[in-house]
Amino acid sequence: VLVAPDRRLRIAPAPAPAPAPAAAAAAKQQDAFD
């Protein structure tokens, strides 16, 4: 029991990395232009 893995704890998928501020600003400008 002590060495068995706790199967109730599921590994959550890693969140997507947040975009860099410069890239986010450029994306917003491109959307506004479109």
Full PDB file with SEQRES, HELIX, SHEET, SSBOND, CRYST1, ORIGX, SCALE, CONECT and MASTER records, all heavy atoms in Angstrom:
SEQRES   1 A   34  VAL LEU VAL ALA PRO ASP ARG ARG LEU ARG ILE ALA PRO          
SEQRES   2 A   34  ALA PRO ALA PRO ALA PRO ALA PRO ALA ALA ALA ALA ALA          
SEQRES   3 A   34  ALA LYS GLN GLN ASP ALA PHE ASP                              
HELIX    1 AA1 PRO A   21  PHE A   33  1                                  13    
CRYST1    1.000    1.000    1.000  90.00  90.00  90.00 P 1           1          
ORIGX1      1.000000  0.000000  0.000000        0.00000                         
ORIGX2      0.000000  1.000000  0.000000        0.00000                         
ORIGX3      0.000000  0.000000  1.000000        0.00000                         
SCALE1      1.000000  0.000000  0.000000        0.00000                         
SCALE2      0.000000  1.000000  0.000000        0.00000                         
SCALE3      0.000000  0.000000  1.000000        0.00000                         
ATOM      1  N   VAL A   1       0.837  -1.213   0.000  1.00  0.00           N  
ATOM      2  CA  VAL A   1       0.000   0.000   0.000  1.00  0.00           C  
ATOM      3  C   VAL A   1       0.865   1.255   0.000  1.00  0.00           C  
ATOM      4  O   VAL A   1       0.574   2.238  -0.690  1.00  0.00           O  
ATOM      5  CB  VAL A   1      -0.949  -0.013   1.225  1.00  0.00           C  
ATOM      6  CG1 VAL A   1      -1.611   1.344   1.396  1.00  0.00           C  
ATOM      7  CG2 VAL A   1      -1.992  -1.096   1.069  1.00  0.00           C  
ATOM      8  N   LEU A   2       1.955   1.230   0.757  1.00  0.00           N  
ATOM      9  CA  LEU A   2       2.821   2.409   0.845  1.00  0.00           C  
ATOM     10  C   LEU A   2       3.531   2.709  -0.473  1.00  0.00           C  
ATOM     11  O   LEU A   2       3.770   3.883  -0.804  1.00  0.00           O  
ATOM     12  CB  LEU A   2       3.854   2.215   1.962  1.00  0.00           C  
ATOM     13  CG  LEU A   2       3.298   2.181   3.386  1.00  0.00           C  
ATOM     14  CD1 LEU A   2       4.412   1.907   4.384  1.00  0.00           C  
ATOM     15  CD2 LEU A   2       2.593   3.487   3.733  1.00  0.00           C  
ATOM     16  N   VAL A   3       3.868   1.669  -1.226  1.00  0.00           N  
ATOM     17  CA  VAL A   3       4.605   1.897  -2.475  1.00  0.00           C  
ATOM     18  C   VAL A   3       3.691   1.951  -3.685  1.00  0.00           C  
ATOM     19  O   VAL A   3       4.139   2.316  -4.776  1.00  0.00           O  
ATOM     20  CB  VAL A   3       5.665   0.794  -2.692  1.00  0.00           C  
ATOM     21  CG1 VAL A   3       6.644   0.760  -1.545  1.00  0.00           C  
ATOM     22  CG2 VAL A   3       5.029  -0.572  -2.893  1.00  0.00           C  
ATOM     23  N   ALA A   4       2.405   1.584  -3.521  1.00  0.00           N  
ATOM     24  CA  ALA A   4       1.490   1.591  -4.662  1.00  0.00           C  
ATOM     25  C   ALA A   4       1.170   3.028  -5.052  1.00  0.00           C  
ATOM     26  O   ALA A   4       0.982   3.892  -4.195  1.00  0.00           O  
ATOM     27  CB  ALA A   4       0.202   0.846  -4.312  1.00  0.00           C  
ATOM     28  N   PRO A   5       1.071   3.311  -6.355  1.00  0.00           N  
ATOM     29  CA  PRO A   5       0.703   4.668  -6.782  1.00  0.00           C  
ATOM     30  C   PRO A   5      -0.742   4.952  -6.457  1.00  0.00           C  
ATOM     31  O   PRO A   5      -1.594   4.054  -6.463  1.00  0.00           O  
ATOM     32  CB  PRO A   5       0.931   4.632  -8.301  1.00  0.00           C  
ATOM     33  CG  PRO A   5       0.781   3.191  -8.662  1.00  0.00           C  
ATOM     34  CD  PRO A   5       1.307   2.407  -7.483  1.00  0.00           C  
ATOM     35  N   ASP A   6      -1.014   6.198  -6.145  1.00  0.00           N  
ATOM     36  CA  ASP A   6      -2.379   6.624  -5.853  1.00  0.00           C  
ATOM     37  C   ASP A   6      -3.070   6.910  -7.182  1.00  0.00           C  
ATOM     38  O   ASP A   6      -2.872   7.949  -7.789  1.00  0.00           O  
ATOM     39  CB  ASP A   6      -2.381   7.879  -4.971  1.00  0.00           C  
ATOM     40  CG  ASP A   6      -3.765   8.175  -4.395  1.00  0.00           C  
ATOM     41  OD1 ASP A   6      -4.733   7.531  -4.865  1.00  0.00           O  
ATOM     42  OD2 ASP A   6      -3.875   9.034  -3.523  1.00  0.00           O  
ATOM     43  N   ARG A   7      -3.903   5.981  -7.627  1.00  0.00           N  
ATOM     44  CA  ARG A   7      -4.516   6.114  -8.935  1.00  0.00           C  
ATOM     45  C   ARG A   7      -5.665   7.111  -8.948  1.00  0.00           C  
ATOM     46  O   ARG A   7      -6.234   7.389  -9.991  1.00  0.00           O  
ATOM     47  CB  ARG A   7      -5.015   4.752  -9.422  1.00  0.00           C  
ATOM     48  CG  ARG A   7      -3.887   3.739  -9.466  1.00  0.00           C  
ATOM     49  CD  ARG A   7      -4.321   2.455 -10.123  1.00  0.00           C  
ATOM     50  NE  ARG A   7      -3.287   1.439 -10.006  1.00  0.00           N  
ATOM     51  CZ  ARG A   7      -2.224   1.349 -10.773  1.00  0.00           C  
ATOM     52  NH1 ARG A   7      -2.048   2.259 -11.720  1.00  0.00           N  
ATOM     53  NH2 ARG A   7      -1.337   0.394 -10.600  1.00  0.00           N  
ATOM     54  N   ARG A   8      -5.998   7.631  -7.799  1.00  0.00           N  
ATOM     55  CA  ARG A   8      -7.038   8.669  -7.771  1.00  0.00           C  
ATOM     56  C   ARG A   8      -6.511   9.998  -8.262  1.00  0.00           C  
ATOM     57  O   ARG A   8      -7.266  10.886  -8.642  1.00  0.00           O  
ATOM     58  CB  ARG A   8      -7.583   8.826  -6.354  1.00  0.00           C  
ATOM     59  CG  ARG A   8      -8.339   7.626  -5.845  1.00  0.00           C  
ATOM     60  CD  ARG A   8      -8.632   7.760  -4.377  1.00  0.00           C  
ATOM     61  NE  ARG A   8      -7.403   7.826  -3.620  1.00  0.00           N  
ATOM     62  CZ  ARG A   8      -7.370   8.058  -2.304  1.00  0.00           C  
ATOM     63  NH1 ARG A   8      -8.486   8.259  -1.656  1.00  0.00           N  
ATOM     64  NH2 ARG A   8      -6.219   8.081  -1.671  1.00  0.00           N  
ATOM     65  N   LEU A   9      -5.197  10.139  -8.205  1.00  0.00           N  
ATOM     66  CA  LEU A   9      -4.599  11.384  -8.653  1.00  0.00           C  
ATOM     67  C   LEU A   9      -4.230  11.246 -10.119  1.00  0.00           C  
ATOM     68  O   LEU A   9      -3.342  10.487 -10.482  1.00  0.00           O  
ATOM     69  CB  LEU A   9      -3.344  11.706  -7.816  1.00  0.00           C  
ATOM     70  CG  LEU A   9      -3.591  11.854  -6.316  1.00  0.00           C  
ATOM     71  CD1 LEU A   9      -2.278  12.103  -5.606  1.00  0.00           C  
ATOM     72  CD2 LEU A   9      -4.577  12.975  -6.033  1.00  0.00           C  
ATOM     73  N   ARG A  10      -4.917  11.890 -10.970  1.00  0.00           N  
ATOM     74  CA  ARG A  10      -4.654  11.848 -12.393  1.00  0.00           C  
ATOM     75  C   ARG A  10      -3.781  13.027 -12.775  1.00  0.00           C  
ATOM     76  O   ARG A  10      -3.958  14.147 -12.278  1.00  0.00           O  
ATOM     77  CB  ARG A  10      -5.961  11.902 -13.194  1.00  0.00           C  
ATOM     78  CG  ARG A  10      -6.948  10.829 -12.778  1.00  0.00           C  
ATOM     79  CD  ARG A  10      -6.398   9.452 -13.050  1.00  0.00           C  
ATOM     80  NE  ARG A  10      -7.377   8.425 -12.708  1.00  0.00           N  
ATOM     81  CZ  ARG A  10      -7.135   7.146 -12.757  1.00  0.00           C  
ATOM     82  NH1 ARG A  10      -5.956   6.703 -13.114  1.00  0.00           N  
ATOM     83  NH2 ARG A  10      -8.078   6.283 -12.435  1.00  0.00           N  
ATOM     84  N   ILE A  11      -2.855  12.799 -13.689  1.00  0.00           N  
ATOM     85  CA  ILE A  11      -1.978  13.872 -14.133  1.00  0.00           C  
ATOM     86  C   ILE A  11      -2.748  14.767 -15.078  1.00  0.00           C  
ATOM     87  O   ILE A  11      -3.211  14.336 -16.137  1.00  0.00           O  
ATOM     88  CB  ILE A  11      -0.741  13.299 -14.840  1.00  0.00           C  
ATOM     89  CG1 ILE A  11       0.032  12.409 -13.876  1.00  0.00           C  
ATOM     90  CG2 ILE A  11       0.138  14.401 -15.377  1.00  0.00           C  
ATOM     91  CD1 ILE A  11       1.221  11.722 -14.503  1.00  0.00           C  
ATOM     92  N   ALA A  12      -2.943  16.009 -14.697  1.00  0.00           N  
ATOM     93  CA  ALA A  12      -3.692  16.962 -15.512  1.00  0.00           C  
ATOM     94  C   ALA A  12      -2.841  17.381 -16.705  1.00  0.00           C  
ATOM     95  O   ALA A  12      -1.621  17.499 -16.616  1.00  0.00           O  
ATOM     96  CB  ALA A  12      -4.072  18.189 -14.680  1.00  0.00           C  
ATOM     97  N   PRO A  13      -3.475  17.606 -17.883  1.00  0.00           N  
ATOM     98  CA  PRO A  13      -2.690  18.044 -19.038  1.00  0.00           C  
ATOM     99  C   PRO A  13      -2.072  19.408 -18.786  1.00  0.00           C  
ATOM    100  O   PRO A  13      -2.667  20.284 -18.166  1.00  0.00           O  
ATOM    101  CB  PRO A  13      -3.733  18.093 -20.167  1.00  0.00           C  
ATOM    102  CG  PRO A  13      -5.063  18.198 -19.474  1.00  0.00           C  
ATOM    103  CD  PRO A  13      -4.901  17.462 -18.184  1.00  0.00           C  
ATOM    104  N   ALA A  14      -0.875  19.572 -19.298  1.00  0.00           N  
ATOM    105  CA  ALA A  14      -0.163  20.834 -19.095  1.00  0.00           C  
ATOM    106  C   ALA A  14      -0.863  21.955 -19.844  1.00  0.00           C  
ATOM    107  O   ALA A  14      -1.237  21.791 -21.011  1.00  0.00           O  
ATOM    108  CB  ALA A  14       1.276  20.697 -19.578  1.00  0.00           C  
ATOM    109  N   PRO A  15      -1.097  23.110 -19.215  1.00  0.00           N  
ATOM    110  CA  PRO A  15      -1.760  24.219 -19.905  1.00  0.00           C  
ATOM    111  C   PRO A  15      -0.881  24.770 -21.021  1.00  0.00           C  
ATOM    112  O   PRO A  15       0.340  24.702 -20.976  1.00  0.00           O  
ATOM    113  CB  PRO A  15      -1.971  25.261 -18.790  1.00  0.00           C  
ATOM    114  CG  PRO A  15      -0.926  24.936 -17.779  1.00  0.00           C  
ATOM    115  CD  PRO A  15      -0.734  23.444 -17.838  1.00  0.00           C  
ATOM    116  N   ALA A  16      -1.553  25.307 -22.040  1.00  0.00           N  
ATOM    117  CA  ALA A  16      -0.807  25.879 -23.164  1.00  0.00           C  
ATOM    118  C   ALA A  16      -0.033  27.101 -22.690  1.00  0.00           C  
ATOM    119  O   ALA A  16      -0.536  27.895 -21.884  1.00  0.00           O  
ATOM    120  CB  ALA A  16      -1.774  26.271 -24.273  1.00  0.00           C  
ATOM    121  N   PRO A  17       1.194  27.270 -23.160  1.00  0.00           N  
ATOM    122  CA  PRO A  17       1.992  28.429 -22.730  1.00  0.00           C  
ATOM    123  C   PRO A  17       1.366  29.737 -23.184  1.00  0.00           C  
ATOM    124  O   PRO A  17       0.842  29.855 -24.295  1.00  0.00           O  
ATOM    125  CB  PRO A  17       3.354  28.195 -23.399  1.00  0.00           C  
ATOM    126  CG  PRO A  17       3.060  27.281 -24.546  1.00  0.00           C  
ATOM    127  CD  PRO A  17       1.927  26.423 -24.118  1.00  0.00           C  
ATOM    128  N   ALA A  18       1.374  30.705 -22.276  1.00  0.00           N  
ATOM    129  CA  ALA A  18       0.803  32.017 -22.605  1.00  0.00           C  
ATOM    130  C   ALA A  18       1.666  32.709 -23.652  1.00  0.00           C  
ATOM    131  O   ALA A  18       2.902  32.630 -23.614  1.00  0.00           O  
ATOM    132  CB  ALA A  18       0.719  32.882 -21.344  1.00  0.00           C  
ATOM    133  N   PRO A  19       1.063  33.385 -24.631  1.00  0.00           N  
ATOM    134  CA  PRO A  19       1.864  34.072 -25.658  1.00  0.00           C  
ATOM    135  C   PRO A  19       2.634  35.241 -25.059  1.00  0.00           C  
ATOM    136  O   PRO A  19       2.237  35.829 -24.064  1.00  0.00           O  
ATOM    137  CB  PRO A  19       0.817  34.543 -26.662  1.00  0.00           C  
ATOM    138  CG  PRO A  19      -0.452  34.630 -25.869  1.00  0.00           C  
ATOM    139  CD  PRO A  19      -0.371  33.531 -24.852  1.00  0.00           C  
ATOM    140  N   ALA A  20       3.755  35.537 -25.686  1.00  0.00           N  
ATOM    141  CA  ALA A  20       4.561  36.666 -25.243  1.00  0.00           C  
ATOM    142  C   ALA A  20       3.789  37.967 -25.428  1.00  0.00           C  
ATOM    143  O   ALA A  20       2.943  38.071 -26.323  1.00  0.00           O  
ATOM    144  CB  ALA A  20       5.875  36.720 -26.023  1.00  0.00           C  
ATOM    145  N   PRO A  21       4.066  39.005 -24.638  1.00  0.00           N  
ATOM    146  CA  PRO A  21       3.326  40.284 -24.765  1.00  0.00           C  
ATOM    147  C   PRO A  21       3.441  40.883 -26.150  1.00  0.00           C  
ATOM    148  O   PRO A  21       2.445  41.375 -26.703  1.00  0.00           O  
ATOM    149  CB  PRO A  21       3.979  41.165 -23.698  1.00  0.00           C  
ATOM    150  CG  PRO A  21       4.552  40.195 -22.710  1.00  0.00           C  
ATOM    151  CD  PRO A  21       4.975  39.018 -23.497  1.00  0.00           C  
ATOM    152  N   ALA A  22       4.611  40.867 -26.749  1.00  0.00           N  
ATOM    153  CA  ALA A  22       4.779  41.471 -28.076  1.00  0.00           C  
ATOM    154  C   ALA A  22       3.977  40.705 -29.110  1.00  0.00           C  
ATOM    155  O   ALA A  22       3.322  41.293 -29.983  1.00  0.00           O  
ATOM    156  CB  ALA A  22       6.262  41.492 -28.452  1.00  0.00           C  
ATOM    157  N   ALA A  23       4.030  39.368 -29.013  1.00  0.00           N  
ATOM    158  CA  ALA A  23       3.286  38.571 -29.978  1.00  0.00           C  
ATOM    159  C   ALA A  23       1.785  38.763 -29.799  1.00  0.00           C  
ATOM    160  O   ALA A  23       1.029  38.799 -30.780  1.00  0.00           O  
ATOM    161  CB  ALA A  23       3.650  37.095 -29.809  1.00  0.00           C  
ATOM    162  N   ALA A  24       1.318  38.888 -28.545  1.00  0.00           N  
ATOM    163  CA  ALA A  24      -0.105  39.104 -28.299  1.00  0.00           C  
ATOM    164  C   ALA A  24      -0.563  40.435 -28.860  1.00  0.00           C  
ATOM    165  O   ALA A  24      -1.637  40.549 -29.460  1.00  0.00           O  
ATOM    166  CB  ALA A  24      -0.381  39.039 -26.802  1.00  0.00           C  
ATOM    167  N   ALA A  25       0.258  41.489 -28.690  1.00  0.00           N  
ATOM    168  CA  ALA A  25      -0.096  42.807 -29.224  1.00  0.00           C  
ATOM    169  C   ALA A  25      -0.144  42.764 -30.743  1.00  0.00           C  
ATOM    170  O   ALA A  25      -1.035  43.351 -31.385  1.00  0.00           O  
ATOM    171  CB  ALA A  25       0.911  43.846 -28.748  1.00  0.00           C  
ATOM    172  N   ALA A  26       0.810  42.112 -31.382  1.00  0.00           N  
ATOM    173  CA  ALA A  26       0.822  42.016 -32.837  1.00  0.00           C  
ATOM    174  C   ALA A  26      -0.395  41.261 -33.339  1.00  0.00           C  
ATOM    175  O   ALA A  26      -0.992  41.629 -34.365  1.00  0.00           O  
ATOM    176  CB  ALA A  26       2.104  41.315 -33.294  1.00  0.00           C  
ATOM    177  N   ALA A  27      -0.800  40.204 -32.602  1.00  0.00           N  
ATOM    178  CA  ALA A  27      -1.978  39.447 -33.006  1.00  0.00           C  
ATOM    179  C   ALA A  27      -3.239  40.300 -32.922  1.00  0.00           C  
ATOM    180  O   ALA A  27      -4.101  40.238 -33.792  1.00  0.00           O  
ATOM    181  CB  ALA A  27      -2.115  38.208 -32.135  1.00  0.00           C  
ATOM    182  N   LYS A  28      -3.331  41.127 -31.869  1.00  0.00           N  
ATOM    183  CA  LYS A  28      -4.502  41.995 -31.739  1.00  0.00           C  
ATOM    184  C   LYS A  28      -4.550  43.025 -32.863  1.00  0.00           C  
ATOM    185  O   LYS A  28      -5.600  43.324 -33.426  1.00  0.00           O  
ATOM    186  CB  LYS A  28      -4.475  42.693 -30.380  1.00  0.00           C  
ATOM    187  CG  LYS A  28      -4.761  41.752 -29.205  1.00  0.00           C  
ATOM    188  CD  LYS A  28      -4.768  42.511 -27.886  1.00  0.00           C  
ATOM    189  CE  LYS A  28      -5.053  41.591 -26.715  1.00  0.00           C  
ATOM    190  NZ  LYS A  28      -5.063  42.319 -25.437  1.00  0.00           N  
ATOM    191  N   GLN A  29      -3.393  43.613 -33.202  1.00  0.00           N  
ATOM    192  CA  GLN A  29      -3.350  44.582 -34.298  1.00  0.00           C  
ATOM    193  C   GLN A  29      -3.746  43.933 -35.619  1.00  0.00           C  
ATOM    194  O   GLN A  29      -4.476  44.519 -36.431  1.00  0.00           O  
ATOM    195  CB  GLN A  29      -1.946  45.183 -34.395  1.00  0.00           C  
ATOM    196  CG  GLN A  29      -1.598  46.104 -33.231  1.00  0.00           C  
ATOM    197  CD  GLN A  29      -0.192  46.670 -33.354  1.00  0.00           C  
ATOM    198  OE1 GLN A  29       0.515  46.339 -34.302  1.00  0.00           O  
ATOM    199  NE2 GLN A  29       0.178  47.501 -32.396  1.00  0.00           N  
ATOM    200  N   GLN A  30      -3.293  42.711 -35.844  1.00  0.00           N  
ATOM    201  CA  GLN A  30      -3.624  42.019 -37.077  1.00  0.00           C  
ATOM    202  C   GLN A  30      -5.122  41.736 -37.154  1.00  0.00           C  
ATOM    203  O   GLN A  30      -5.745  41.902 -38.207  1.00  0.00           O  
ATOM    204  CB  GLN A  30      -2.847  40.700 -37.151  1.00  0.00           C  
ATOM    205  CG  GLN A  30      -3.072  39.912 -38.442  1.00  0.00           C  
ATOM    206  CD  GLN A  30      -2.557  40.661 -39.659  1.00  0.00           C  
ATOM    207  OE1 GLN A  30      -1.565  41.402 -39.564  1.00  0.00           O  
ATOM    208  NE2 GLN A  30      -3.261  40.519 -40.772  1.00  0.00           N  
ATOM    209  N   ASP A  31      -5.716  41.344 -36.002  1.00  0.00           N  
ATOM    210  CA  ASP A  31      -7.159  41.094 -35.983  1.00  0.00           C  
ATOM    211  C   ASP A  31      -7.938  42.363 -36.249  1.00  0.00           C  
ATOM    212  O   ASP A  31      -8.932  42.370 -37.000  1.00  0.00           O  
ATOM    213  CB  ASP A  31      -7.571  40.517 -34.623  1.00  0.00           C  
ATOM    214  CG  ASP A  31      -7.005  39.125 -34.411  1.00  0.00           C  
ATOM    215  OD1 ASP A  31      -6.628  38.493 -35.415  1.00  0.00           O  
ATOM    216  OD2 ASP A  31      -6.926  38.681 -33.243  1.00  0.00           O  
ATOM    217  N   ALA A  32      -7.482  43.489 -35.648  1.00  0.00           N  
ATOM    218  CA  ALA A  32      -8.161  44.765 -35.882  1.00  0.00           C  
ATOM    219  C   ALA A  32      -8.042  45.183 -37.333  1.00  0.00           C  
ATOM    220  O   ALA A  32      -8.982  45.691 -37.953  1.00  0.00           O  
ATOM    221  CB  ALA A  32      -7.568  45.849 -34.965  1.00  0.00           C  
ATOM    222  N   PHE A  33      -6.867  45.002 -37.943  1.00  0.00           N  
ATOM    223  CA  PHE A  33      -6.654  45.361 -39.337  1.00  0.00           C  
ATOM    224  C   PHE A  33      -7.548  44.537 -40.254  1.00  0.00           C  
ATOM    225  O   PHE A  33      -8.166  45.049 -41.185  1.00  0.00           O  
ATOM    226  CB  PHE A  33      -5.179  45.145 -39.690  1.00  0.00           C  
ATOM    227  CG  PHE A  33      -4.886  45.384 -41.159  1.00  0.00           C  
ATOM    228  CD1 PHE A  33      -4.796  46.673 -41.658  1.00  0.00           C  
ATOM    229  CD2 PHE A  33      -4.743  44.314 -42.017  1.00  0.00           C  
ATOM    230  CE1 PHE A  33      -4.550  46.872 -43.006  1.00  0.00           C  
ATOM    231  CE2 PHE A  33      -4.498  44.514 -43.346  1.00  0.00           C  
ATOM    232  CZ  PHE A  33      -4.390  45.791 -43.869  1.00  0.00           C  
ATOM    233  N   ASP A  34      -7.640  43.211 -39.933  1.00  0.00           N  
ATOM    234  CA  ASP A  34      -8.489  42.360 -40.761  1.00  0.00           C  
ATOM    235  C   ASP A  34      -9.938  42.763 -40.663  1.00  0.00           C  
ATOM    236  O   ASP A  34     -10.667  42.798 -41.675  1.00  0.00           O  
ATOM    237  CB  ASP A  34      -8.340  40.899 -40.312  1.00  0.00           C  
ATOM    238  CG  ASP A  34      -6.951  40.362 -40.608  1.00  0.00           C  
ATOM    239  OD1 ASP A  34      -6.266  40.974 -41.453  1.00  0.00           O  
ATOM    240  OD2 ASP A  34      -6.559  39.345 -39.985  1.00  0.00           O  
TER     241      ASP A  34                                                      
MASTER        0    0    0    1    0    0    0    6  240    1    0    3          
END                                                                             
